[in-house]
All heavy atoms as atom14 arrays in JSON, in Angstrom:
{
  "sequence": "KEREFVAAISRSGVSTLYADSVKGRFTASRDNAKKTVYLQMNSLR",
  "atom14_mask": [
    [1, 1, 1, 1, 1, 1, 1, 1, 1, 0, 0, 0, 0, 0],
    [1, 1, 1, 1, 1, 1, 1, 1, 1, 0, 0, 0, 0, 0],
    [1, 1, 1, 1, 1, 1, 1, 1, 1, 1, 1, 0, 0, 0],
    [1, 1, 1, 1, 1, 1, 1, 1, 1, 0, 0, 0, 0, 0],
    [1, 1, 1, 1, 1, 1, 1, 1, 1, 1, 1, 0, 0, 0],
    [1, 1, 1, 1, 1, 1, 1, 0, 0, 0, 0, 0, 0, 0],
    [1, 1, 1, 1, 1, 0, 0, 0, 0, 0, 0, 0, 0, 0],
    [1, 1, 1, 1, 1, 0, 0, 0, 0, 0, 0, 0, 0, 0],
    [1, 1, 1, 1, 1, 1, 1, 1, 0, 0, 0, 0, 0, 0],
    [1, 1, 1, 1, 1, 1, 0, 0, 0, 0, 0, 0, 0, 0],
    [1, 1, 1, 1, 1, 1, 1, 1, 1, 1, 1, 0, 0, 0],
    [1, 1, 1, 1, 1, 1, 0, 0, 0, 0, 0, 0, 0, 0],
    [1, 1, 1, 1, 0, 0, 0, 0, 0, 0, 0, 0, 0, 0],
    [1, 1, 1, 1, 1, 1, 1, 0, 0, 0, 0, 0, 0, 0],
    [1, 1, 1, 1, 1, 1, 0, 0, 0, 0, 0, 0, 0, 0],
    [1, 1, 1, 1, 1, 1, 1, 0, 0, 0, 0, 0, 0, 0],
    [1, 1, 1, 1, 1, 1, 1, 1, 0, 0, 0, 0, 0, 0],
    [1, 1, 1, 1, 1, 1, 1, 1, 1, 1, 1, 1, 0, 0],
    [1, 1, 1, 1, 1, 0, 0, 0, 0, 0, 0, 0, 0, 0],
    [1, 1, 1, 1, 1, 1, 1, 1, 0, 0, 0, 0, 0, 0],
    [1, 1, 1, 1, 1, 1, 0, 0, 0, 0, 0, 0, 0, 0],
    [1, 1, 1, 1, 1, 1, 1, 0, 0, 0, 0, 0, 0, 0],
    [1, 1, 1, 1, 1, 1, 1, 1, 1, 0, 0, 0, 0, 0],
    [1, 1, 1, 1, 0, 0, 0, 0, 0, 0, 0, 0, 0, 0],
    [1, 1, 1, 1, 1, 1, 1, 1, 1, 1, 1, 0, 0, 0],
    [1, 1, 1, 1, 1, 1, 1, 1, 1, 1, 1, 0, 0, 0],
    [1, 1, 1, 1, 1, 1, 1, 0, 0, 0, 0, 0, 0, 0],
    [1, 1, 1, 1, 1, 0, 0, 0, 0, 0, 0, 0, 0, 0],
    [1, 1, 1, 1, 1, 1, 0, 0, 0, 0, 0, 0, 0, 0],
    [1, 1, 1, 1, 1, 1, 1, 1, 1, 1, 1, 0, 0, 0],
    [1, 1, 1, 1, 1, 1, 1, 1, 0, 0, 0, 0, 0, 0],
    [1, 1, 1, 1, 1, 1, 1, 1, 0, 0, 0, 0, 0, 0],
    [1, 1, 1, 1, 1, 0, 0, 0, 0, 0, 0, 0, 0, 0],
    [1, 1, 1, 1, 1, 1, 1, 1, 1, 0, 0, 0, 0, 0],
    [1, 1, 1, 1, 1, 1, 1, 1, 1, 0, 0, 0, 0, 0],
    [1, 1, 1, 1, 1, 1, 1, 0, 0, 0, 0, 0, 0, 0],
    [1, 1, 1, 1, 1, 1, 1, 0, 0, 0, 0, 0, 0, 0],
    [1, 1, 1, 1, 1, 1, 1, 1, 1, 1, 1, 1, 0, 0],
    [1, 1, 1, 1, 1, 1, 1, 1, 0, 0, 0, 0, 0, 0],
    [1, 1, 1, 1, 1, 1, 1, 1, 1, 0, 0, 0, 0, 0],
    [1, 1, 1, 1, 1, 1, 1, 1, 0, 0, 0, 0, 0, 0],
    [1, 1, 1, 1, 1, 1, 1, 1, 0, 0, 0, 0, 0, 0],
    [1, 1, 1, 1, 1, 1, 0, 0, 0, 0, 0, 0, 0, 0],
    [1, 1, 1, 1, 1, 1, 1, 1, 0, 0, 0, 0, 0, 0],
    [1, 1, 1, 1, 1, 1, 1, 1, 1, 1, 1, 0, 0, 0]
  ],
  "atom14_positions": [
    [[0.89, -1.16, 0.0], [-0.05, 0.02, -0.02], [0.9, 1.36, -0.03], [2.1, 1.18, 0.26], [-0.92, 0.05, 1.22], [-1.92, -1.14, 1.25], [-3.0, -0.87, 2.36], [-4.14, -1.91, 2.28], [-5.11, -1.8, 3.44], [0.0, 0.0, 0.0], [0.0, 0.0, 0.0], [0.0, 0.0, 0.0], [0.0, 0.0, 0.0], [0.0, 0.0, 0.0]],
    [[0.21, 2.35, -0.36], [0.96, 3.65, -0.41], [1.06, 4.17, 1.08], [0.26, 3.84, 1.94], [0.08, 4.73, -1.14], [-0.04, 4.39, -2.61], [1.28, 4.47, -3.34], [2.12, 5.45, -3.12], [1.53, 3.56, -4.17], [0.0, 0.0, 0.0], [0.0, 0.0, 0.0], [0.0, 0.0, 0.0], [0.0, 0.0, 0.0], [0.0, 0.0, 0.0]],
    [[2.09, 4.88, 1.26], [2.31, 5.57, 2.6], [1.17, 6.56, 2.88], [0.85, 7.49, 2.02], [3.65, 6.29, 2.62], [4.03, 6.68, 3.98], [5.57, 7.13, 4.07], [6.49, 6.14, 3.67], [7.81, 6.23, 3.56], [8.26, 7.34, 4.03], [8.67, 5.22, 3.22], [0.0, 0.0, 0.0], [0.0, 0.0, 0.0], [0.0, 0.0, 0.0]],
    [[0.63, 6.53, 4.09], [-0.55, 7.37, 4.3], [-0.25, 8.16, 5.63], [0.32, 7.8, 6.48], [-1.81, 6.54, 4.45], [-1.82, 5.65, 5.67], [-3.07, 4.88, 5.71], [-4.08, 5.07, 4.97], [-3.21, 4.08, 6.61], [0.0, 0.0, 0.0], [0.0, 0.0, 0.0], [0.0, 0.0, 0.0], [0.0, 0.0, 0.0], [0.0, 0.0, 0.0]],
    [[-1.02, 9.21, 5.68], [-0.88, 10.21, 6.79], [-1.6, 9.7, 8.02], [-2.66, 9.04, 7.82], [-1.58, 11.56, 6.42], [-1.75, 12.51, 7.61], [-0.74, 13.2, 8.17], [-3.08, 12.6, 8.13], [-0.91, 13.99, 9.17], [-3.29, 13.5, 9.24], [-2.16, 14.16, 9.8], [0.0, 0.0, 0.0], [0.0, 0.0, 0.0], [0.0, 0.0, 0.0]],
    [[-0.9, 9.87, 9.14], [-1.59, 9.39, 10.44], [-1.86, 10.48, 11.41], [-2.95, 10.65, 11.89], [-0.62, 8.33, 11.05], [-1.18, 7.97, 12.47], [-0.47, 7.14, 10.28], [0.0, 0.0, 0.0], [0.0, 0.0, 0.0], [0.0, 0.0, 0.0], [0.0, 0.0, 0.0], [0.0, 0.0, 0.0], [0.0, 0.0, 0.0], [0.0, 0.0, 0.0]],
    [[-0.86, 11.28, 11.72], [-1.01, 12.41, 12.61], [0.13, 13.49, 12.46], [1.17, 13.31, 11.7], [-0.93, 11.84, 14.08], [0.0, 0.0, 0.0], [0.0, 0.0, 0.0], [0.0, 0.0, 0.0], [0.0, 0.0, 0.0], [0.0, 0.0, 0.0], [0.0, 0.0, 0.0], [0.0, 0.0, 0.0], [0.0, 0.0, 0.0], [0.0, 0.0, 0.0]],
    [[-0.2, 14.69, 12.78], [0.84, 15.8, 12.66], [0.61, 16.84, 13.84], [-0.43, 16.81, 14.57], [0.63, 16.57, 11.32], [0.0, 0.0, 0.0], [0.0, 0.0, 0.0], [0.0, 0.0, 0.0], [0.0, 0.0, 0.0], [0.0, 0.0, 0.0], [0.0, 0.0, 0.0], [0.0, 0.0, 0.0], [0.0, 0.0, 0.0], [0.0, 0.0, 0.0]],
    [[1.71, 17.34, 14.2], [1.67, 18.3, 15.33], [2.52, 19.43, 15.07], [3.58, 19.55, 14.43], [2.22, 17.64, 16.59], [2.04, 18.48, 17.81], [3.68, 17.15, 16.43], [2.31, 17.68, 19.17], [0.0, 0.0, 0.0], [0.0, 0.0, 0.0], [0.0, 0.0, 0.0], [0.0, 0.0, 0.0], [0.0, 0.0, 0.0], [0.0, 0.0, 0.0]],
    [[1.99, 20.66, 15.48], [2.71, 21.97, 15.12], [3.95, 22.12, 15.9], [4.31, 21.39, 16.81], [1.71, 23.12, 15.36], [1.36, 23.12, 16.66], [0.0, 0.0, 0.0], [0.0, 0.0, 0.0], [0.0, 0.0, 0.0], [0.0, 0.0, 0.0], [0.0, 0.0, 0.0], [0.0, 0.0, 0.0], [0.0, 0.0, 0.0], [0.0, 0.0, 0.0]],
    [[4.74, 23.14, 15.55], [5.95, 23.46, 16.24], [5.79, 23.76, 17.78], [6.65, 23.2, 18.57], [6.6, 24.79, 15.66], [6.99, 24.76, 14.3], [7.41, 26.06, 13.78], [7.92, 25.97, 12.4], [7.25, 25.87, 11.21], [5.88, 25.98, 11.37], [7.66, 25.89, 10.07], [0.0, 0.0, 0.0], [0.0, 0.0, 0.0], [0.0, 0.0, 0.0]],
    [[4.68, 24.26, 18.18], [4.49, 24.56, 19.47], [3.8, 23.38, 20.28], [3.87, 23.28, 21.51], [3.61, 25.82, 19.72], [2.36, 25.52, 19.26], [0.0, 0.0, 0.0], [0.0, 0.0, 0.0], [0.0, 0.0, 0.0], [0.0, 0.0, 0.0], [0.0, 0.0, 0.0], [0.0, 0.0, 0.0], [0.0, 0.0, 0.0], [0.0, 0.0, 0.0]],
    [[3.21, 22.49, 19.49], [2.45, 21.38, 20.07], [0.93, 21.63, 20.34], [0.26, 20.68, 20.85], [0.0, 0.0, 0.0], [0.0, 0.0, 0.0], [0.0, 0.0, 0.0], [0.0, 0.0, 0.0], [0.0, 0.0, 0.0], [0.0, 0.0, 0.0], [0.0, 0.0, 0.0], [0.0, 0.0, 0.0], [0.0, 0.0, 0.0], [0.0, 0.0, 0.0]],
    [[0.65, 22.88, 20.12], [-0.72, 23.28, 20.41], [-1.73, 22.6, 19.34], [-2.8, 22.3, 19.83], [-0.87, 24.77, 20.36], [-2.38, 25.24, 20.51], [-0.07, 25.3, 21.48], [0.0, 0.0, 0.0], [0.0, 0.0, 0.0], [0.0, 0.0, 0.0], [0.0, 0.0, 0.0], [0.0, 0.0, 0.0], [0.0, 0.0, 0.0], [0.0, 0.0, 0.0]],
    [[-1.38, 22.6, 18.04], [-2.18, 22.09, 17.03], [-1.94, 20.72, 16.62], [-0.62, 20.44, 16.39], [-2.19, 23.09, 15.9], [-2.63, 24.39, 16.12], [0.0, 0.0, 0.0], [0.0, 0.0, 0.0], [0.0, 0.0, 0.0], [0.0, 0.0, 0.0], [0.0, 0.0, 0.0], [0.0, 0.0, 0.0], [0.0, 0.0, 0.0], [0.0, 0.0, 0.0]],
    [[-2.85, 19.8, 16.49], [-2.69, 18.56, 15.93], [-3.73, 18.34, 14.79], [-4.76, 18.83, 14.75], [-2.79, 17.49, 17.04], [-3.99, 17.7, 17.72], [-1.69, 17.66, 18.1], [0.0, 0.0, 0.0], [0.0, 0.0, 0.0], [0.0, 0.0, 0.0], [0.0, 0.0, 0.0], [0.0, 0.0, 0.0], [0.0, 0.0, 0.0], [0.0, 0.0, 0.0]],
    [[-3.34, 17.21, 13.94], [-4.19, 16.74, 13.03], [-4.08, 15.27, 12.97], [-3.12, 14.72, 13.22], [-3.78, 17.34, 11.52], [-3.78, 18.73, 11.26], [-3.22, 19.02, 9.89], [-5.33, 19.22, 11.25], [0.0, 0.0, 0.0], [0.0, 0.0, 0.0], [0.0, 0.0, 0.0], [0.0, 0.0, 0.0], [0.0, 0.0, 0.0], [0.0, 0.0, 0.0]],
    [[-5.24, 14.62, 12.67], [-5.36, 13.22, 12.77], [-6.14, 12.66, 11.55], [-7.06, 13.34, 11.19], [-5.92, 12.63, 13.94], [-5.14, 13.07, 15.21], [-5.61, 14.12, 15.97], [-4.09, 12.26, 15.65], [-4.93, 14.48, 17.26], [-3.4, 12.59, 16.82], [-3.85, 13.8, 17.53], [-3.19, 14.1, 18.72], [0.0, 0.0, 0.0], [0.0, 0.0, 0.0]],
    [[-5.69, 11.55, 11.07], [-6.5, 10.79, 10.0], [-7.77, 10.33, 10.61], [-7.77, 9.98, 11.9], [-5.65, 9.63, 9.4], [0.0, 0.0, 0.0], [0.0, 0.0, 0.0], [0.0, 0.0, 0.0], [0.0, 0.0, 0.0], [0.0, 0.0, 0.0], [0.0, 0.0, 0.0], [0.0, 0.0, 0.0], [0.0, 0.0, 0.0], [0.0, 0.0, 0.0]],
    [[-8.88, 10.24, 9.93], [-10.08, 9.76, 10.54], [-9.92, 8.33, 11.07], [-10.66, 8.04, 11.97], [-11.15, 9.81, 9.38], [-11.56, 11.14, 9.01], [-11.43, 12.21, 9.74], [-12.16, 11.4, 7.96], [0.0, 0.0, 0.0], [0.0, 0.0, 0.0], [0.0, 0.0, 0.0], [0.0, 0.0, 0.0], [0.0, 0.0, 0.0], [0.0, 0.0, 0.0]],
    [[-9.15, 7.52, 10.44], [-9.07, 6.17, 11.0], [-8.53, 6.04, 12.31], [-8.49, 5.01, 12.98], [-8.25, 5.35, 9.95], [-6.89, 5.93, 9.73], [0.0, 0.0, 0.0], [0.0, 0.0, 0.0], [0.0, 0.0, 0.0], [0.0, 0.0, 0.0], [0.0, 0.0, 0.0], [0.0, 0.0, 0.0], [0.0, 0.0, 0.0], [0.0, 0.0, 0.0]],
    [[-7.71, 7.06, 12.75], [-7.06, 7.02, 14.02], [-7.54, 8.04, 15.02], [-7.18, 8.01, 16.27], [-5.42, 7.11, 14.01], [-4.98, 6.16, 12.94], [-5.09, 8.51, 13.6], [0.0, 0.0, 0.0], [0.0, 0.0, 0.0], [0.0, 0.0, 0.0], [0.0, 0.0, 0.0], [0.0, 0.0, 0.0], [0.0, 0.0, 0.0], [0.0, 0.0, 0.0]],
    [[-8.45, 8.93, 14.72], [-8.88, 10.0, 15.46], [-9.54, 9.3, 16.73], [-10.51, 8.39, 16.66], [-9.94, 10.9, 14.87], [-10.16, 12.14, 15.4], [-11.05, 13.16, 14.43], [-10.29, 13.42, 13.29], [-11.06, 14.34, 12.27], [0.0, 0.0, 0.0], [0.0, 0.0, 0.0], [0.0, 0.0, 0.0], [0.0, 0.0, 0.0], [0.0, 0.0, 0.0]],
    [[-9.15, 9.88, 17.89], [-9.82, 9.43, 19.12], [-9.15, 8.19, 19.76], [-9.3, 7.94, 20.92], [0.0, 0.0, 0.0], [0.0, 0.0, 0.0], [0.0, 0.0, 0.0], [0.0, 0.0, 0.0], [0.0, 0.0, 0.0], [0.0, 0.0, 0.0], [0.0, 0.0, 0.0], [0.0, 0.0, 0.0], [0.0, 0.0, 0.0], [0.0, 0.0, 0.0]],
    [[-8.13, 7.67, 18.97], [-7.4, 6.54, 19.46], [-5.9, 6.87, 19.61], [-5.21, 6.47, 20.5], [-7.47, 5.27, 18.51], [-8.91, 4.79, 18.45], [-8.92, 3.44, 17.63], [-8.47, 3.65, 16.26], [-7.46, 3.01, 15.81], [-6.71, 2.07, 16.47], [-7.13, 3.16, 14.55], [0.0, 0.0, 0.0], [0.0, 0.0, 0.0], [0.0, 0.0, 0.0]],
    [[-5.42, 7.7, 18.7], [-3.96, 8.11, 18.63], [-3.81, 9.55, 19.15], [-4.67, 10.3, 18.86], [-3.39, 8.02, 17.29], [-3.21, 6.59, 16.71], [-3.77, 5.43, 17.5], [-2.45, 6.32, 15.56], [-3.62, 4.13, 16.91], [-2.46, 5.03, 15.08], [-2.98, 3.93, 15.82], [0.0, 0.0, 0.0], [0.0, 0.0, 0.0], [0.0, 0.0, 0.0]],
    [[-2.68, 9.84, 19.86], [-2.4, 11.17, 20.32], [-1.02, 11.45, 20.0], [-0.05, 10.73, 20.45], [-2.65, 11.26, 21.83], [-4.01, 10.96, 22.07], [-2.42, 12.77, 22.18], [0.0, 0.0, 0.0], [0.0, 0.0, 0.0], [0.0, 0.0, 0.0], [0.0, 0.0, 0.0], [0.0, 0.0, 0.0], [0.0, 0.0, 0.0], [0.0, 0.0, 0.0]],
    [[-0.73, 12.67, 19.21], [0.58, 13.0, 18.98], [0.93, 14.17, 20.01], [0.1, 14.95, 20.41], [0.75, 13.59, 17.57], [0.0, 0.0, 0.0], [0.0, 0.0, 0.0], [0.0, 0.0, 0.0], [0.0, 0.0, 0.0], [0.0, 0.0, 0.0], [0.0, 0.0, 0.0], [0.0, 0.0, 0.0], [0.0, 0.0, 0.0], [0.0, 0.0, 0.0]],
    [[2.22, 14.1, 20.48], [2.69, 15.11, 21.41], [4.16, 15.31, 21.2], [4.81, 14.59, 20.36], [2.47, 14.66, 22.84], [3.18, 13.49, 23.17], [0.0, 0.0, 0.0], [0.0, 0.0, 0.0], [0.0, 0.0, 0.0], [0.0, 0.0, 0.0], [0.0, 0.0, 0.0], [0.0, 0.0, 0.0], [0.0, 0.0, 0.0], [0.0, 0.0, 0.0]],
    [[4.7, 16.32, 21.75], [6.21, 16.53, 21.65], [6.79, 17.17, 22.83], [6.06, 17.86, 23.57], [6.5, 17.47, 20.42], [5.79, 18.96, 20.5], [5.92, 19.58, 19.09], [7.31, 19.83, 18.66], [7.64, 20.07, 17.37], [6.74, 20.16, 16.54], [8.85, 20.27, 17.03], [0.0, 0.0, 0.0], [0.0, 0.0, 0.0], [0.0, 0.0, 0.0]],
    [[8.04, 16.97, 23.02], [8.81, 17.56, 24.08], [10.07, 18.2, 23.49], [10.96, 17.59, 23.06], [9.29, 16.37, 25.1], [10.01, 16.91, 26.32], [10.59, 18.13, 26.18], [9.96, 16.22, 27.35], [0.0, 0.0, 0.0], [0.0, 0.0, 0.0], [0.0, 0.0, 0.0], [0.0, 0.0, 0.0], [0.0, 0.0, 0.0], [0.0, 0.0, 0.0]],
    [[9.84, 19.53, 23.31], [10.95, 20.24, 22.57], [12.3, 20.24, 23.28], [13.37, 20.4, 22.69], [10.49, 21.73, 22.29], [9.46, 21.83, 21.28], [9.2, 20.85, 20.52], [8.79, 22.93, 21.04], [0.0, 0.0, 0.0], [0.0, 0.0, 0.0], [0.0, 0.0, 0.0], [0.0, 0.0, 0.0], [0.0, 0.0, 0.0], [0.0, 0.0, 0.0]],
    [[12.34, 20.22, 24.64], [13.45, 20.19, 25.41], [14.23, 18.88, 25.13], [15.47, 18.95, 25.16], [13.21, 20.3, 26.89], [0.0, 0.0, 0.0], [0.0, 0.0, 0.0], [0.0, 0.0, 0.0], [0.0, 0.0, 0.0], [0.0, 0.0, 0.0], [0.0, 0.0, 0.0], [0.0, 0.0, 0.0], [0.0, 0.0, 0.0], [0.0, 0.0, 0.0]],
    [[13.55, 17.81, 24.93], [14.17, 16.51, 24.65], [14.34, 16.28, 23.14], [14.83, 15.25, 22.61], [13.31, 15.34, 25.25], [13.58, 15.39, 26.84], [12.67, 14.25, 27.41], [12.79, 14.17, 28.88], [12.05, 12.98, 29.42], [0.0, 0.0, 0.0], [0.0, 0.0, 0.0], [0.0, 0.0, 0.0], [0.0, 0.0, 0.0], [0.0, 0.0, 0.0]],
    [[13.85, 17.22, 22.29], [13.85, 17.12, 20.92], [13.08, 15.67, 20.39], [13.68, 15.11, 19.52], [15.19, 17.22, 20.33], [15.9, 18.57, 20.62], [17.36, 18.58, 20.1], [17.94, 19.88, 20.4], [19.33, 19.91, 19.77], [0.0, 0.0, 0.0], [0.0, 0.0, 0.0], [0.0, 0.0, 0.0], [0.0, 0.0, 0.0], [0.0, 0.0, 0.0]],
    [[12.01, 15.41, 21.03], [11.38, 14.18, 20.81], [9.86, 14.42, 20.46], [9.28, 15.27, 21.08], [11.47, 13.17, 21.91], [12.93, 13.04, 22.09], [10.82, 11.91, 21.62], [0.0, 0.0, 0.0], [0.0, 0.0, 0.0], [0.0, 0.0, 0.0], [0.0, 0.0, 0.0], [0.0, 0.0, 0.0], [0.0, 0.0, 0.0], [0.0, 0.0, 0.0]],
    [[9.34, 13.68, 19.44], [7.9, 13.61, 19.29], [7.39, 12.26, 19.44], [8.17, 11.25, 19.38], [7.61, 14.06, 17.72], [8.35, 13.03, 16.78], [6.01, 14.14, 17.49], [0.0, 0.0, 0.0], [0.0, 0.0, 0.0], [0.0, 0.0, 0.0], [0.0, 0.0, 0.0], [0.0, 0.0, 0.0], [0.0, 0.0, 0.0], [0.0, 0.0, 0.0]],
    [[6.26, 12.18, 20.02], [5.6, 10.93, 20.36], [4.36, 10.7, 19.67], [3.66, 11.57, 19.26], [5.3, 10.96, 22.0], [6.57, 11.24, 22.73], [6.75, 12.54, 23.2], [7.34, 10.16, 23.08], [7.86, 12.71, 24.03], [8.5, 10.5, 23.86], [8.76, 11.73, 24.42], [9.76, 12.06, 25.19], [0.0, 0.0, 0.0], [0.0, 0.0, 0.0]],
    [[3.94, 9.42, 19.45], [2.66, 8.93, 19.05], [2.17, 7.92, 19.96], [2.65, 6.84, 19.92], [2.72, 8.37, 17.6], [1.35, 8.08, 17.01], [0.55, 9.32, 16.82], [1.51, 7.31, 15.63], [0.0, 0.0, 0.0], [0.0, 0.0, 0.0], [0.0, 0.0, 0.0], [0.0, 0.0, 0.0], [0.0, 0.0, 0.0], [0.0, 0.0, 0.0]],
    [[1.29, 8.28, 20.77], [0.53, 7.35, 21.74], [-0.56, 6.7, 21.02], [-1.46, 7.33, 20.53], [0.12, 8.05, 22.91], [-0.66, 7.17, 24.0], [0.21, 6.08, 24.61], [1.26, 6.55, 25.03], [-0.25, 4.97, 24.65], [0.0, 0.0, 0.0], [0.0, 0.0, 0.0], [0.0, 0.0, 0.0], [0.0, 0.0, 0.0], [0.0, 0.0, 0.0]],
    [[-0.55, 5.4, 20.91], [-1.45, 4.61, 20.07], [-2.25, 3.71, 21.12], [-1.8, 2.85, 21.72], [-0.79, 3.8, 18.96], [0.04, 4.59, 18.03], [0.64, 3.64, 16.73], [1.83, 2.57, 17.7], [0.0, 0.0, 0.0], [0.0, 0.0, 0.0], [0.0, 0.0, 0.0], [0.0, 0.0, 0.0], [0.0, 0.0, 0.0], [0.0, 0.0, 0.0]],
    [[-3.63, 3.97, 21.28], [-4.45, 3.16, 22.08], [-5.55, 2.47, 21.28], [-5.78, 2.78, 20.07], [-5.09, 4.1, 23.1], [-4.17, 4.84, 24.04], [-3.17, 4.26, 24.31], [-4.46, 6.01, 24.42], [0.0, 0.0, 0.0], [0.0, 0.0, 0.0], [0.0, 0.0, 0.0], [0.0, 0.0, 0.0], [0.0, 0.0, 0.0], [0.0, 0.0, 0.0]],
    [[-6.13, 1.46, 21.79], [-7.3, 0.69, 21.17], [-6.78, 0.29, 19.75], [-7.44, 0.33, 18.82], [-8.4, 1.5, 21.0], [-8.98, 1.89, 22.29], [0.0, 0.0, 0.0], [0.0, 0.0, 0.0], [0.0, 0.0, 0.0], [0.0, 0.0, 0.0], [0.0, 0.0, 0.0], [0.0, 0.0, 0.0], [0.0, 0.0, 0.0], [0.0, 0.0, 0.0]],
    [[-5.59, -0.36, 19.74], [-5.02, -0.79, 18.39], [-5.81, -1.89, 17.78], [-6.34, -2.8, 18.47], [-3.54, -1.24, 18.68], [-2.53, -0.04, 18.86], [-1.28, -0.5, 19.41], [-2.29, 0.68, 17.46], [0.0, 0.0, 0.0], [0.0, 0.0, 0.0], [0.0, 0.0, 0.0], [0.0, 0.0, 0.0], [0.0, 0.0, 0.0], [0.0, 0.0, 0.0]],
    [[-5.91, -1.68, 16.51], [-6.54, -2.69, 15.68], [-5.7, -3.47, 14.66], [-4.6, -2.85, 14.34], [-7.57, -2.08, 14.88], [-8.59, -1.15, 15.7], [-9.4, -0.23, 14.78], [-10.32, 0.51, 15.69], [-11.04, 1.58, 15.19], [-10.92, 1.94, 13.98], [-11.81, 2.16, 15.97], [0.0, 0.0, 0.0], [0.0, 0.0, 0.0], [0.0, 0.0, 0.0]]
  ]
}
């Protein structure tokens, strides 16, 4: 399959976008001090 969008997060971490297929289950976050972005995935299918 083609590579598809899952989630995105802005520079500040305030704004996020999610694909309909993961909305409500996945959460994107970031820690700028640690230079790390996270994707918390719950209720996995």
